[in-house]
Full PDB file with SEQRES, HELIX, SHEET, SSBOND, CRYST1, ORIGX, SCALE, CONECT and MASTER records, all heavy atoms in Angstrom:
SEQRES   1 A   26  LYS LYS ALA ALA LYS LEU LEU VAL SER LEU ILE THR SER          
SEQRES   2 A   26  ASN ILE ALA PRO GLU TYR PHE TRP SER THR LEU LEU LEU          
HELIX    1 AA1 LYS A    2  SER A   13  1                                  12    
HELIX    2 AA2 GLU A   18  PHE A   20  5                                   3    
HELIX    3 AA3 TRP A   21  LEU A   25  1                                   5    
CRYST1    1.000    1.000    1.000  90.00  90.00  90.00 P 1           1          
ORIGX1      1.000000  0.000000  0.000000        0.00000                         
ORIGX2      0.000000  1.000000  0.000000        0.00000                         
ORIGX3      0.000000  0.000000  1.000000        0.00000                         
SCALE1      1.000000  0.000000  0.000000        0.00000                         
SCALE2      0.000000  1.000000  0.000000        0.00000                         
SCALE3      0.000000  0.000000  1.000000        0.00000                         
ATOM      1  N   LYS A   1      -2.158  -0.278 -13.859  1.00  0.00           N  
ATOM      2  CA  LYS A   1      -1.807  -1.687 -14.050  1.00  0.00           C  
ATOM      3  C   LYS A   1      -0.319  -1.931 -13.771  1.00  0.00           C  
ATOM      4  O   LYS A   1       0.048  -2.895 -13.095  1.00  0.00           O  
ATOM      5  CB  LYS A   1      -2.159  -2.128 -15.463  1.00  0.00           C  
ATOM      6  CG  LYS A   1      -3.653  -2.323 -15.682  1.00  0.00           C  
ATOM      7  CD  LYS A   1      -3.927  -2.958 -17.030  1.00  0.00           C  
ATOM      8  CE  LYS A   1      -5.427  -3.222 -17.204  1.00  0.00           C  
ATOM      9  NZ  LYS A   1      -5.739  -3.887 -18.486  1.00  0.00           N  
ATOM     10  N   LYS A   2       0.553  -1.040 -14.293  1.00  0.00           N  
ATOM     11  CA  LYS A   2       1.986  -1.176 -14.030  1.00  0.00           C  
ATOM     12  C   LYS A   2       2.299  -0.967 -12.555  1.00  0.00           C  
ATOM     13  O   LYS A   2       3.126  -1.678 -11.969  1.00  0.00           O  
ATOM     14  CB  LYS A   2       2.776  -0.179 -14.875  1.00  0.00           C  
ATOM     15  CG  LYS A   2       2.745  -0.470 -16.368  1.00  0.00           C  
ATOM     16  CD  LYS A   2       3.594   0.542 -17.114  1.00  0.00           C  
ATOM     17  CE  LYS A   2       3.612   0.251 -18.621  1.00  0.00           C  
ATOM     18  NZ  LYS A   2       4.429   1.225 -19.365  1.00  0.00           N  
ATOM     19  N   ALA A   3       1.602   0.001 -11.943  1.00  0.00           N  
ATOM     20  CA  ALA A   3       1.817   0.262 -10.525  1.00  0.00           C  
ATOM     21  C   ALA A   3       1.409  -0.940  -9.690  1.00  0.00           C  
ATOM     22  O   ALA A   3       2.108  -1.337  -8.743  1.00  0.00           O  
ATOM     23  CB  ALA A   3       1.041   1.508 -10.103  1.00  0.00           C  
ATOM     24  N   ALA A   4       0.263  -1.551 -10.048  1.00  0.00           N  
ATOM     25  CA  ALA A   4      -0.212  -2.718  -9.306  1.00  0.00           C  
ATOM     26  C   ALA A   4       0.746  -3.886  -9.449  1.00  0.00           C  
ATOM     27  O   ALA A   4       1.061  -4.577  -8.468  1.00  0.00           O  
ATOM     28  CB  ALA A   4      -1.608  -3.102  -9.796  1.00  0.00           C  
ATOM     29  N   LYS A   5       1.230  -4.109 -10.641  1.00  0.00           N  
ATOM     30  CA  LYS A   5       2.163  -5.219 -10.868  1.00  0.00           C  
ATOM     31  C   LYS A   5       3.442  -5.037 -10.052  1.00  0.00           C  
ATOM     32  O   LYS A   5       3.968  -5.993  -9.457  1.00  0.00           O  
ATOM     33  CB  LYS A   5       2.487  -5.301 -12.357  1.00  0.00           C  
ATOM     34  CG  LYS A   5       3.319  -6.518 -12.741  1.00  0.00           C  
ATOM     35  CD  LYS A   5       3.471  -6.591 -14.238  1.00  0.00           C  
ATOM     36  CE  LYS A   5       4.253  -7.818 -14.659  1.00  0.00           C  
ATOM     37  NZ  LYS A   5       3.598  -9.086 -14.263  1.00  0.00           N  
ATOM     38  N   LEU A   6       3.936  -3.796 -10.003  1.00  0.00           N  
ATOM     39  CA  LEU A   6       5.156  -3.519  -9.243  1.00  0.00           C  
ATOM     40  C   LEU A   6       4.918  -3.681  -7.750  1.00  0.00           C  
ATOM     41  O   LEU A   6       5.742  -4.256  -7.028  1.00  0.00           O  
ATOM     42  CB  LEU A   6       5.648  -2.097  -9.557  1.00  0.00           C  
ATOM     43  CG  LEU A   6       6.929  -1.646  -8.856  1.00  0.00           C  
ATOM     44  CD1 LEU A   6       8.067  -2.605  -9.132  1.00  0.00           C  
ATOM     45  CD2 LEU A   6       7.303  -0.233  -9.291  1.00  0.00           C  
ATOM     46  N   LEU A   7       3.753  -3.206  -7.257  1.00  0.00           N  
ATOM     47  CA  LEU A   7       3.457  -3.314  -5.833  1.00  0.00           C  
ATOM     48  C   LEU A   7       3.322  -4.778  -5.407  1.00  0.00           C  
ATOM     49  O   LEU A   7       3.835  -5.176  -4.347  1.00  0.00           O  
ATOM     50  CB  LEU A   7       2.182  -2.542  -5.508  1.00  0.00           C  
ATOM     51  CG  LEU A   7       1.764  -2.522  -4.039  1.00  0.00           C  
ATOM     52  CD1 LEU A   7       2.857  -1.890  -3.180  1.00  0.00           C  
ATOM     53  CD2 LEU A   7       0.439  -1.768  -3.865  1.00  0.00           C  
ATOM     54  N   VAL A   8       2.679  -5.565  -6.230  1.00  0.00           N  
ATOM     55  CA  VAL A   8       2.520  -6.981  -5.911  1.00  0.00           C  
ATOM     56  C   VAL A   8       3.881  -7.674  -5.870  1.00  0.00           C  
ATOM     57  O   VAL A   8       4.145  -8.518  -5.004  1.00  0.00           O  
ATOM     58  CB  VAL A   8       1.575  -7.668  -6.914  1.00  0.00           C  
ATOM     59  CG1 VAL A   8       1.574  -9.184  -6.717  1.00  0.00           C  
ATOM     60  CG2 VAL A   8       0.169  -7.130  -6.759  1.00  0.00           C  
ATOM     61  N   SER A   9       4.771  -7.303  -6.792  1.00  0.00           N  
ATOM     62  CA  SER A   9       6.108  -7.918  -6.786  1.00  0.00           C  
ATOM     63  C   SER A   9       6.878  -7.553  -5.528  1.00  0.00           C  
ATOM     64  O   SER A   9       7.641  -8.370  -4.995  1.00  0.00           O  
ATOM     65  CB  SER A   9       6.883  -7.489  -8.035  1.00  0.00           C  
ATOM     66  OG  SER A   9       7.187  -6.099  -7.986  1.00  0.00           O  
ATOM     67  N   LEU A  10       6.675  -6.330  -5.020  1.00  0.00           N  
ATOM     68  CA  LEU A  10       7.334  -5.934  -3.776  1.00  0.00           C  
ATOM     69  C   LEU A  10       6.781  -6.719  -2.591  1.00  0.00           C  
ATOM     70  O   LEU A  10       7.522  -7.099  -1.672  1.00  0.00           O  
ATOM     71  CB  LEU A  10       7.155  -4.431  -3.532  1.00  0.00           C  
ATOM     72  CG  LEU A  10       7.885  -3.485  -4.491  1.00  0.00           C  
ATOM     73  CD1 LEU A  10       7.565  -2.030  -4.163  1.00  0.00           C  
ATOM     74  CD2 LEU A  10       9.391  -3.707  -4.440  1.00  0.00           C  
ATOM     75  N   ILE A  11       5.453  -6.973  -2.609  1.00  0.00           N  
ATOM     76  CA  ILE A  11       4.836  -7.716  -1.508  1.00  0.00           C  
ATOM     77  C   ILE A  11       5.290  -9.171  -1.512  1.00  0.00           C  
ATOM     78  O   ILE A  11       5.632  -9.748  -0.479  1.00  0.00           O  
ATOM     79  CB  ILE A  11       3.301  -7.605  -1.596  1.00  0.00           C  
ATOM     80  CG1 ILE A  11       2.863  -6.153  -1.337  1.00  0.00           C  
ATOM     81  CG2 ILE A  11       2.623  -8.554  -0.612  1.00  0.00           C  
ATOM     82  CD1 ILE A  11       1.386  -5.901  -1.561  1.00  0.00           C  
ATOM     83  N   THR A  12       5.301  -9.771  -2.670  1.00  0.00           N  
ATOM     84  CA  THR A  12       5.635 -11.196  -2.756  1.00  0.00           C  
ATOM     85  C   THR A  12       7.130 -11.474  -2.645  1.00  0.00           C  
ATOM     86  O   THR A  12       7.539 -12.618  -2.446  1.00  0.00           O  
ATOM     87  CB  THR A  12       5.106 -11.769  -4.080  1.00  0.00           C  
ATOM     88  OG1 THR A  12       5.672 -11.014  -5.172  1.00  0.00           O  
ATOM     89  CG2 THR A  12       3.593 -11.701  -4.139  1.00  0.00           C  
ATOM     90  N   SER A  13       7.988 -10.430  -2.798  1.00  0.00           N  
ATOM     91  CA  SER A  13       9.438 -10.649  -2.719  1.00  0.00           C  
ATOM     92  C   SER A  13       9.928 -10.858  -1.290  1.00  0.00           C  
ATOM     93  O   SER A  13      11.027 -11.370  -1.076  1.00  0.00           O  
ATOM     94  CB  SER A  13      10.174  -9.461  -3.341  1.00  0.00           C  
ATOM     95  OG  SER A  13       9.931  -8.281  -2.575  1.00  0.00           O  
ATOM     96  N   ASN A  14       9.100 -10.402  -0.313  1.00  0.00           N  
ATOM     97  CA  ASN A  14       9.437 -10.569   1.110  1.00  0.00           C  
ATOM     98  C   ASN A  14      10.746  -9.880   1.520  1.00  0.00           C  
ATOM     99  O   ASN A  14      11.454 -10.350   2.414  1.00  0.00           O  
ATOM    100  CB  ASN A  14       9.525 -12.052   1.482  1.00  0.00           C  
ATOM    101  CG  ASN A  14       8.167 -12.720   1.509  1.00  0.00           C  
ATOM    102  OD1 ASN A  14       7.183 -12.099   1.919  1.00  0.00           O  
ATOM    103  ND2 ASN A  14       8.106 -13.952   1.055  1.00  0.00           N  
ATOM    104  N   ILE A  15      11.099  -8.768   0.832  1.00  0.00           N  
ATOM    105  CA  ILE A  15      12.315  -8.037   1.218  1.00  0.00           C  
ATOM    106  C   ILE A  15      11.998  -6.843   2.117  1.00  0.00           C  
ATOM    107  O   ILE A  15      12.905  -6.181   2.611  1.00  0.00           O  
ATOM    108  CB  ILE A  15      13.089  -7.547  -0.021  1.00  0.00           C  
ATOM    109  CG1 ILE A  15      12.240  -6.571  -0.851  1.00  0.00           C  
ATOM    110  CG2 ILE A  15      13.572  -8.719  -0.856  1.00  0.00           C  
ATOM    111  CD1 ILE A  15      12.992  -5.948  -2.002  1.00  0.00           C  
ATOM    112  N   ALA A  16      10.704  -6.569   2.332  1.00  0.00           N  
ATOM    113  CA  ALA A  16      10.320  -5.419   3.149  1.00  0.00           C  
ATOM    114  C   ALA A  16      10.551  -5.717   4.623  1.00  0.00           C  
ATOM    115  O   ALA A  16      10.299  -6.832   5.087  1.00  0.00           O  
ATOM    116  CB  ALA A  16       8.865  -5.059   2.900  1.00  0.00           C  
ATOM    117  N   PRO A  17      11.028  -4.748   5.392  1.00  0.00           N  
ATOM    118  CA  PRO A  17      11.157  -4.951   6.843  1.00  0.00           C  
ATOM    119  C   PRO A  17       9.783  -5.005   7.508  1.00  0.00           C  
ATOM    120  O   PRO A  17       8.782  -4.566   6.933  1.00  0.00           O  
ATOM    121  CB  PRO A  17      11.956  -3.723   7.295  1.00  0.00           C  
ATOM    122  CG  PRO A  17      11.706  -2.693   6.249  1.00  0.00           C  
ATOM    123  CD  PRO A  17      11.517  -3.424   4.965  1.00  0.00           C  
ATOM    124  N   GLU A  18       9.722  -5.505   8.716  1.00  0.00           N  
ATOM    125  CA  GLU A  18       8.451  -5.727   9.406  1.00  0.00           C  
ATOM    126  C   GLU A  18       7.636  -4.447   9.537  1.00  0.00           C  
ATOM    127  O   GLU A  18       6.428  -4.452   9.352  1.00  0.00           O  
ATOM    128  CB  GLU A  18       8.719  -6.321  10.793  1.00  0.00           C  
ATOM    129  CG  GLU A  18       9.199  -7.765  10.773  1.00  0.00           C  
ATOM    130  CD  GLU A  18       8.132  -8.700  10.213  1.00  0.00           C  
ATOM    131  OE1 GLU A  18       6.931  -8.416  10.409  1.00  0.00           O  
ATOM    132  OE2 GLU A  18       8.502  -9.693   9.576  1.00  0.00           O  
ATOM    133  N   TYR A  19       8.324  -3.330   9.888  1.00  0.00           N  
ATOM    134  CA  TYR A  19       7.591  -2.093  10.128  1.00  0.00           C  
ATOM    135  C   TYR A  19       6.974  -1.503   8.862  1.00  0.00           C  
ATOM    136  O   TYR A  19       6.137  -0.606   8.932  1.00  0.00           O  
ATOM    137  CB  TYR A  19       8.501  -1.053  10.792  1.00  0.00           C  
ATOM    138  CG  TYR A  19       9.700  -0.659   9.943  1.00  0.00           C  
ATOM    139  CD1 TYR A  19       9.588   0.311   8.945  1.00  0.00           C  
ATOM    140  CD2 TYR A  19      10.944  -1.251  10.141  1.00  0.00           C  
ATOM    141  CE1 TYR A  19      10.683   0.669   8.172  1.00  0.00           C  
ATOM    142  CE2 TYR A  19      12.039  -0.900   9.378  1.00  0.00           C  
ATOM    143  CZ  TYR A  19      11.903   0.056   8.388  1.00  0.00           C  
ATOM    144  OH  TYR A  19      12.973   0.405   7.611  1.00  0.00           O  
ATOM    145  N   PHE A  20       7.383  -2.002   7.693  1.00  0.00           N  
ATOM    146  CA  PHE A  20       6.890  -1.414   6.436  1.00  0.00           C  
ATOM    147  C   PHE A  20       5.778  -2.248   5.795  1.00  0.00           C  
ATOM    148  O   PHE A  20       5.196  -1.824   4.806  1.00  0.00           O  
ATOM    149  CB  PHE A  20       8.065  -1.255   5.461  1.00  0.00           C  
ATOM    150  CG  PHE A  20       7.805  -0.279   4.351  1.00  0.00           C  
ATOM    151  CD1 PHE A  20       7.626   1.062   4.622  1.00  0.00           C  
ATOM    152  CD2 PHE A  20       7.730  -0.697   3.027  1.00  0.00           C  
ATOM    153  CE1 PHE A  20       7.383   1.972   3.605  1.00  0.00           C  
ATOM    154  CE2 PHE A  20       7.499   0.206   2.004  1.00  0.00           C  
ATOM    155  CZ  PHE A  20       7.316   1.552   2.297  1.00  0.00           C  
ATOM    156  N   TRP A  21       5.471  -3.425   6.360  1.00  0.00           N  
ATOM    157  CA  TRP A  21       4.451  -4.268   5.748  1.00  0.00           C  
ATOM    158  C   TRP A  21       3.079  -3.607   5.778  1.00  0.00           C  
ATOM    159  O   TRP A  21       2.294  -3.740   4.826  1.00  0.00           O  
ATOM    160  CB  TRP A  21       4.394  -5.631   6.445  1.00  0.00           C  
ATOM    161  CG  TRP A  21       5.352  -6.609   5.848  1.00  0.00           C  
ATOM    162  CD1 TRP A  21       6.534  -7.017   6.350  1.00  0.00           C  
ATOM    163  CD2 TRP A  21       5.183  -7.298   4.607  1.00  0.00           C  
ATOM    164  NE1 TRP A  21       7.153  -7.912   5.515  1.00  0.00           N  
ATOM    165  CE2 TRP A  21       6.335  -8.109   4.419  1.00  0.00           C  
ATOM    166  CE3 TRP A  21       4.190  -7.309   3.625  1.00  0.00           C  
ATOM    167  CZ2 TRP A  21       6.507  -8.922   3.307  1.00  0.00           C  
ATOM    168  CZ3 TRP A  21       4.362  -8.129   2.507  1.00  0.00           C  
ATOM    169  CH2 TRP A  21       5.513  -8.915   2.353  1.00  0.00           C  
ATOM    170  N   SER A  22       2.751  -2.931   6.827  1.00  0.00           N  
ATOM    171  CA  SER A  22       1.442  -2.272   6.902  1.00  0.00           C  
ATOM    172  C   SER A  22       1.272  -1.254   5.788  1.00  0.00           C  
ATOM    173  O   SER A  22       0.199  -1.151   5.177  1.00  0.00           O  
ATOM    174  CB  SER A  22       1.279  -1.599   8.267  1.00  0.00           C  
ATOM    175  OG  SER A  22       2.297  -0.628   8.464  1.00  0.00           O  
ATOM    176  N   THR A  23       2.347  -0.504   5.489  1.00  0.00           N  
ATOM    177  CA  THR A  23       2.279   0.496   4.416  1.00  0.00           C  
ATOM    178  C   THR A  23       2.089  -0.176   3.059  1.00  0.00           C  
ATOM    179  O   THR A  23       1.269   0.264   2.238  1.00  0.00           O  
ATOM    180  CB  THR A  23       3.563   1.342   4.415  1.00  0.00           C  
ATOM    181  OG1 THR A  23       3.728   1.949   5.694  1.00  0.00           O  
ATOM    182  CG2 THR A  23       3.499   2.421   3.352  1.00  0.00           C  
ATOM    183  N   LEU A  24       2.848  -1.238   2.816  1.00  0.00           N  
ATOM    184  CA  LEU A  24       2.724  -1.938   1.530  1.00  0.00           C  
ATOM    185  C   LEU A  24       1.325  -2.517   1.335  1.00  0.00           C  
ATOM    186  O   LEU A  24       0.715  -2.384   0.257  1.00  0.00           O  
ATOM    187  CB  LEU A  24       3.765  -3.054   1.443  1.00  0.00           C  
ATOM    188  CG  LEU A  24       5.208  -2.672   1.105  1.00  0.00           C  
ATOM    189  CD1 LEU A  24       6.081  -3.919   1.084  1.00  0.00           C  
ATOM    190  CD2 LEU A  24       5.289  -1.956  -0.233  1.00  0.00           C  
ATOM    191  N   LEU A  25       0.779  -3.148   2.373  1.00  0.00           N  
ATOM    192  CA  LEU A  25      -0.545  -3.773   2.241  1.00  0.00           C  
ATOM    193  C   LEU A  25      -1.642  -2.738   2.066  1.00  0.00           C  
ATOM    194  O   LEU A  25      -2.554  -2.920   1.244  1.00  0.00           O  
ATOM    195  CB  LEU A  25      -0.817  -4.639   3.468  1.00  0.00           C  
ATOM    196  CG  LEU A  25       0.046  -5.912   3.580  1.00  0.00           C  
ATOM    197  CD1 LEU A  25      -0.151  -6.581   4.924  1.00  0.00           C  
ATOM    198  CD2 LEU A  25      -0.267  -6.879   2.440  1.00  0.00           C  
ATOM    199  N   LEU A  26      -1.564  -1.648   2.805  1.00  0.00           N  
ATOM    200  CA  LEU A  26      -2.602  -0.621   2.687  1.00  0.00           C  
ATOM    201  C   LEU A  26      -2.522   0.120   1.360  1.00  0.00           C  
ATOM    202  O   LEU A  26      -3.533   0.682   0.899  1.00  0.00           O  
ATOM    203  CB  LEU A  26      -2.493   0.362   3.853  1.00  0.00           C  
ATOM    204  CG  LEU A  26      -2.865  -0.204   5.237  1.00  0.00           C  
ATOM    205  CD1 LEU A  26      -2.608   0.823   6.320  1.00  0.00           C  
ATOM    206  CD2 LEU A  26      -4.332  -0.647   5.264  1.00  0.00           C  
TER     207      LEU A  26                                                      
MASTER        0    0    0    3    0    0    0    6  206    1    0    2          
END                                                                             
C-alpha cells in the first residue's frame, strides 16, 4: 500500500523524464 501510494505520487508529479515513463507505468 505504501509502495503504491509512493509510485502514484511519482506518476502524477510529472517530474519523470520521457524515457522513464514506460518504467514507471509498467
